[in-house]
């Protein structure tokens, strides 16, 4: 059976593995989720996922983050819990944590891309760090089985 042109256009392009064998969106070729799509994906949701890095004091890649309709967030990574706020503007979602370090707040902003039910987080800004447009995490809504490649969230 052949797909109609309109249905074929609605599907994302087939994912190709990068040089590390991972299947990441290409932010130079793809459009991140819109403001409305981000609100649906994050309002009153818990995302469970994995980072592509480890913090020095945490021995896991896994995290969980609850984002509520009133703009609050609760982030758990290993034994570390961070609370703060989240906001969306255009295609950017930002999280500001109250006690990231003892001396300053931490703001992290992302574009989010979606593959199946998986969300790919691309950092746009970390206060105090020089990253931008880098893949940092993959997540799914709590209770869902990932249908993306590779499915290790």
C-alpha atoms as a PDB file:
ATOM      1  CA  UNK A   1       0.000   0.000   0.000  1.00  0.00           C
ATOM      2  CA  UNK A   2       1.366   3.422  -0.917  1.00  0.00           C
ATOM      3  CA  UNK A   3       1.019   6.373   1.428  1.00  0.00           C
ATOM      4  CA  UNK A   4      -0.751   9.421   0.111  1.00  0.00           C
ATOM      5  CA  UNK A   5       1.496  12.482  -0.373  1.00  0.00           C
ATOM      6  CA  UNK A   6      -0.143  14.359   2.521  1.00  0.00           C
ATOM      7  CA  UNK A   7       0.433  11.447   4.932  1.00  0.00           C
ATOM      8  CA  UNK A   8       4.023  11.011   3.806  1.00  0.00           C
ATOM      9  CA  UNK A   9       4.721  14.703   4.436  1.00  0.00           C
ATOM     10  CA  UNK A  10       3.440  14.446   8.018  1.00  0.00           C
ATOM     11  CA  UNK A  11       5.945  11.749   8.934  1.00  0.00           C
ATOM     12  CA  UNK A  12       9.414  12.742  10.130  1.00  0.00           C
ATOM     13  CA  UNK A  13      12.280  11.846   7.855  1.00  0.00           C
ATOM     14  CA  UNK A  14      13.747   8.413   8.601  1.00  0.00           C
ATOM     15  CA  UNK A  15      16.388   8.723  11.270  1.00  0.00           C
ATOM     16  CA  UNK A  16      19.958   7.969  10.305  1.00  0.00           C
ATOM     17  CA  UNK A  17      22.556   7.059  12.922  1.00  0.00           C
ATOM     18  CA  UNK A  18      25.293   9.594  13.555  1.00  0.00           C
ATOM     19  CA  UNK A  19      28.986   8.700  13.820  1.00  0.00           C
ATOM     20  CA  UNK A  20      28.406   7.353  17.350  1.00  0.00           C
ATOM     21  CA  UNK A  21      25.614   5.070  16.136  1.00  0.00           C
ATOM     22  CA  UNK A  22      22.925   7.168  17.818  1.00  0.00           C
ATOM     23  CA  UNK A  23      19.763   8.448  16.140  1.00  0.00           C
ATOM     24  CA  UNK A  24      19.642  12.147  16.951  1.00  0.00           C
ATOM     25  CA  UNK A  25      17.626  14.895  15.300  1.00  0.00           C
ATOM     26  CA  UNK A  26      19.641  17.320  13.165  1.00  0.00           C
ATOM     27  CA  UNK A  27      18.947  20.848  14.498  1.00  0.00           C
ATOM     28  CA  UNK A  28      20.424  22.386  11.342  1.00  0.00           C
ATOM     29  CA  UNK A  29      17.756  20.634   9.247  1.00  0.00           C
ATOM     30  CA  UNK A  30      14.791  20.242  11.601  1.00  0.00           C
ATOM     31  CA  UNK A  31      12.402  22.512  13.459  1.00  0.00           C
ATOM     32  CA  UNK A  32      12.121  22.213  17.247  1.00  0.00           C
ATOM     33  CA  UNK A  33       8.747  21.861  18.946  1.00  0.00           C
ATOM     34  CA  UNK A  34       6.624  25.021  18.869  1.00  0.00           C
ATOM     35  CA  UNK A  35       5.430  26.876  21.955  1.00  0.00           C
ATOM     36  CA  UNK A  36       2.056  25.100  21.811  1.00  0.00           C
ATOM     37  CA  UNK A  37       3.688  21.691  21.319  1.00  0.00           C
ATOM     38  CA  UNK A  38       6.046  22.330  24.246  1.00  0.00           C
ATOM     39  CA  UNK A  39       3.116  23.257  26.500  1.00  0.00           C
ATOM     40  CA  UNK A  40       1.337  20.001  25.626  1.00  0.00           C
ATOM     41  CA  UNK A  41       4.527  17.963  26.114  1.00  0.00           C
ATOM     42  CA  UNK A  42       5.527  19.488  29.472  1.00  0.00           C
ATOM     43  CA  UNK A  43       2.506  20.927  31.326  1.00  0.00           C
ATOM     44  CA  UNK A  44       1.644  18.662  34.255  1.00  0.00           C
ATOM     45  CA  UNK A  45       3.962  15.934  32.972  1.00  0.00           C
ATOM     46  CA  UNK A  46       6.822  13.920  34.378  1.00  0.00           C
ATOM     47  CA  UNK A  47       9.652  13.178  31.964  1.00  0.00           C
ATOM     48  CA  UNK A  48      11.918  10.207  32.657  1.00  0.00           C
ATOM     49  CA  UNK A  49      15.109  10.141  30.694  1.00  0.00           C
ATOM     50  CA  UNK A  50      18.833   9.859  30.412  1.00  0.00           C
ATOM     51  CA  UNK A  51      21.540  12.470  30.091  1.00  0.00           C
ATOM     52  CA  UNK A  52      24.448  11.987  27.722  1.00  0.00           C
ATOM     53  CA  UNK A  53      26.811  13.078  30.514  1.00  0.00           C
ATOM     54  CA  UNK A  54      27.335  12.444  34.216  1.00  0.00           C
ATOM     55  CA  UNK A  55      27.674  15.063  36.911  1.00  0.00           C
ATOM     56  CA  UNK A  56      30.794  14.515  38.982  1.00  0.00           C
ATOM     57  CA  UNK A  57      28.866  13.763  42.177  1.00  0.00           C
ATOM     58  CA  UNK A  58      26.112  11.574  40.628  1.00  0.00           C
ATOM     59  CA  UNK A  59      26.684   8.021  39.426  1.00  0.00           C
ATOM     60  CA  UNK A  60      23.756   7.723  36.983  1.00  0.00           C
ATOM     61  CA  UNK A  61      22.640   9.093  33.644  1.00  0.00           C
ATOM     62  CA  UNK A  62      18.941   8.708  34.595  1.00  0.00           C
ATOM     63  CA  UNK A  63      16.723  11.604  35.652  1.00  0.00           C
ATOM     64  CA  UNK A  64      13.064  12.432  36.285  1.00  0.00           C
ATOM     65  CA  UNK A  65      11.533  15.906  36.050  1.00  0.00           C
ATOM     66  CA  UNK A  66       7.975  16.970  36.907  1.00  0.00           C
ATOM     67  CA  UNK A  67       6.745  20.240  35.353  1.00  0.00           C
ATOM     68  CA  UNK A  68       3.450  21.607  36.685  1.00  0.00           C
ATOM     69  CA  UNK A  69       0.930  24.016  35.162  1.00  0.00           C
ATOM     70  CA  UNK A  70       1.807  26.690  37.751  1.00  0.00           C
ATOM     71  CA  UNK A  71       5.381  26.890  36.408  1.00  0.00           C
ATOM     72  CA  UNK A  72       7.126  24.840  39.087  1.00  0.00           C
ATOM     73  CA  UNK A  73       9.582  22.028  38.402  1.00  0.00           C
ATOM     74  CA  UNK A  74      10.972  19.180  40.490  1.00  0.00           C
ATOM     75  CA  UNK A  75      14.093  17.527  39.056  1.00  0.00           C
ATOM     76  CA  UNK A  76      15.676  14.349  40.437  1.00  0.00           C
ATOM     77  CA  UNK A  77      19.048  13.091  39.200  1.00  0.00           C
ATOM     78  CA  UNK A  78      20.447  10.313  41.357  1.00  0.00           C
ATOM     79  CA  UNK A  79      20.075  11.431  44.978  1.00  0.00           C
ATOM     80  CA  UNK A  80      20.136  15.125  43.990  1.00  0.00           C
ATOM     81  CA  UNK A  81      16.818  16.974  43.913  1.00  0.00           C
ATOM     82  CA  UNK A  82      16.520  20.437  42.384  1.00  0.00           C
ATOM     83  CA  UNK A  83      13.385  22.575  42.480  1.00  0.00           C
ATOM     84  CA  UNK A  84      12.625  25.719  40.566  1.00  0.00           C
ATOM     85  CA  UNK A  85      10.557  27.131  37.743  1.00  0.00           C
ATOM     86  CA  UNK A  86      10.083  26.510  34.040  1.00  0.00           C
ATOM     87  CA  UNK A  87       8.839  28.714  31.221  1.00  0.00           C
ATOM     88  CA  UNK A  88       8.330  28.561  27.476  1.00  0.00           C
ATOM     89  CA  UNK A  89       8.766  31.244  24.871  1.00  0.00           C
ATOM     90  CA  UNK A  90       8.465  30.482  21.165  1.00  0.00           C
ATOM     91  CA  UNK A  91      10.508  27.282  20.567  1.00  0.00           C
ATOM     92  CA  UNK A  92      12.550  27.520  23.780  1.00  0.00           C
ATOM     93  CA  UNK A  93      11.894  25.951  27.182  1.00  0.00           C
ATOM     94  CA  UNK A  94      13.941  27.194  30.148  1.00  0.00           C
ATOM     95  CA  UNK A  95      14.394  25.783  33.632  1.00  0.00           C
ATOM     96  CA  UNK A  96      15.691  27.866  36.532  1.00  0.00           C
ATOM     97  CA  UNK A  97      16.728  25.940  39.608  1.00  0.00           C
ATOM     98  CA  UNK A  98      16.773  27.618  43.008  1.00  0.00           C
ATOM     99  CA  UNK A  99      19.830  25.982  44.526  1.00  0.00           C
ATOM    100  CA  UNK A 100      21.952  24.584  41.708  1.00  0.00           C
ATOM    101  CA  UNK A 101      25.032  25.804  43.549  1.00  0.00           C
ATOM    102  CA  UNK A 102      25.306  27.486  46.897  1.00  0.00           C
ATOM    103  CA  UNK A 103      26.059  30.881  45.340  1.00  0.00           C
ATOM    104  CA  UNK A 104      23.870  31.169  42.236  1.00  0.00           C
ATOM    105  CA  UNK A 105      20.752  30.058  40.439  1.00  0.00           C
ATOM    106  CA  UNK A 106      21.063  27.888  37.369  1.00  0.00           C
ATOM    107  CA  UNK A 107      19.196  28.548  34.126  1.00  0.00           C
ATOM    108  CA  UNK A 108      19.141  25.921  31.391  1.00  0.00           C
ATOM    109  CA  UNK A 109      17.346  26.574  28.076  1.00  0.00           C
ATOM    110  CA  UNK A 110      16.589  24.040  25.364  1.00  0.00           C
ATOM    111  CA  UNK A 111      15.083  23.389  21.982  1.00  0.00           C
ATOM    112  CA  UNK A 112      13.190  20.095  22.097  1.00  0.00           C
ATOM    113  CA  UNK A 113      12.801  17.752  19.123  1.00  0.00           C
ATOM    114  CA  UNK A 114      10.459  14.777  19.050  1.00  0.00           C
ATOM    115  CA  UNK A 115      10.834  11.297  17.532  1.00  0.00           C
ATOM    116  CA  UNK A 116       7.881   9.022  18.200  1.00  0.00           C
ATOM    117  CA  UNK A 117       7.176   9.509  21.888  1.00  0.00           C
ATOM    118  CA  UNK A 118      10.774  10.512  22.669  1.00  0.00           C
ATOM    119  CA  UNK A 119      11.893  14.075  23.362  1.00  0.00           C
ATOM    120  CA  UNK A 120      15.448  15.125  22.499  1.00  0.00           C
ATOM    121  CA  UNK A 121      16.821  18.031  24.535  1.00  0.00           C
ATOM    122  CA  UNK A 122      19.329  20.380  22.870  1.00  0.00           C
ATOM    123  CA  UNK A 123      20.938  22.901  25.232  1.00  0.00           C
ATOM    124  CA  UNK A 124      20.907  26.504  24.070  1.00  0.00           C
ATOM    125  CA  UNK A 125      22.293  28.080  27.223  1.00  0.00           C
ATOM    126  CA  UNK A 126      23.694  27.125  30.569  1.00  0.00           C
ATOM    127  CA  UNK A 127      24.604  30.096  32.718  1.00  0.00           C
ATOM    128  CA  UNK A 128      28.341  29.954  33.271  1.00  0.00           C
ATOM    129  CA  UNK A 129      29.020  27.319  30.628  1.00  0.00           C
ATOM    130  CA  UNK A 130      29.794  27.795  26.942  1.00  0.00           C
ATOM    131  CA  UNK A 131      27.458  25.257  25.350  1.00  0.00           C
ATOM    132  CA  UNK A 132      24.912  25.883  22.652  1.00  0.00           C
ATOM    133  CA  UNK A 133      22.850  23.643  20.405  1.00  0.00           C
ATOM    134  CA  UNK A 134      24.279  20.463  21.907  1.00  0.00           C
ATOM    135  CA  UNK A 135      22.296  17.261  22.538  1.00  0.00           C
ATOM    136  CA  UNK A 136      22.133  16.764  26.293  1.00  0.00           C
ATOM    137  CA  UNK A 137      19.260  14.361  27.080  1.00  0.00           C
ATOM    138  CA  UNK A 138      16.466  12.150  25.822  1.00  0.00           C
ATOM    139  CA  UNK A 139      13.171  11.630  27.680  1.00  0.00           C
ATOM    140  CA  UNK A 140       9.678  10.145  27.518  1.00  0.00           C
ATOM    141  CA  UNK A 141       6.566  10.773  29.585  1.00  0.00           C
ATOM    142  CA  UNK A 142       6.508   8.702  32.754  1.00  0.00           C
ATOM    143  CA  UNK A 143       4.872   5.328  32.186  1.00  0.00           C
ATOM    144  CA  UNK A 144       5.529   5.224  28.426  1.00  0.00           C
ATOM    145  CA  UNK A 145       7.788   2.759  26.671  1.00  0.00           C
ATOM    146  CA  UNK A 146      10.146   4.613  24.312  1.00  0.00           C
ATOM    147  CA  UNK A 147       9.517   3.982  20.621  1.00  0.00           C
ATOM    148  CA  UNK A 148      12.624   5.800  19.436  1.00  0.00           C
ATOM    149  CA  UNK A 149      16.109   4.597  18.568  1.00  0.00           C
ATOM    150  CA  UNK A 150      17.908   3.603  20.633  1.00  0.00           C
ATOM    151  CA  UNK A 151      15.245   2.993  23.270  1.00  0.00           C
ATOM    152  CA  UNK A 152      17.348   3.301  26.406  1.00  0.00           C
ATOM    153  CA  UNK A 153      15.561   6.043  28.341  1.00  0.00           C
END
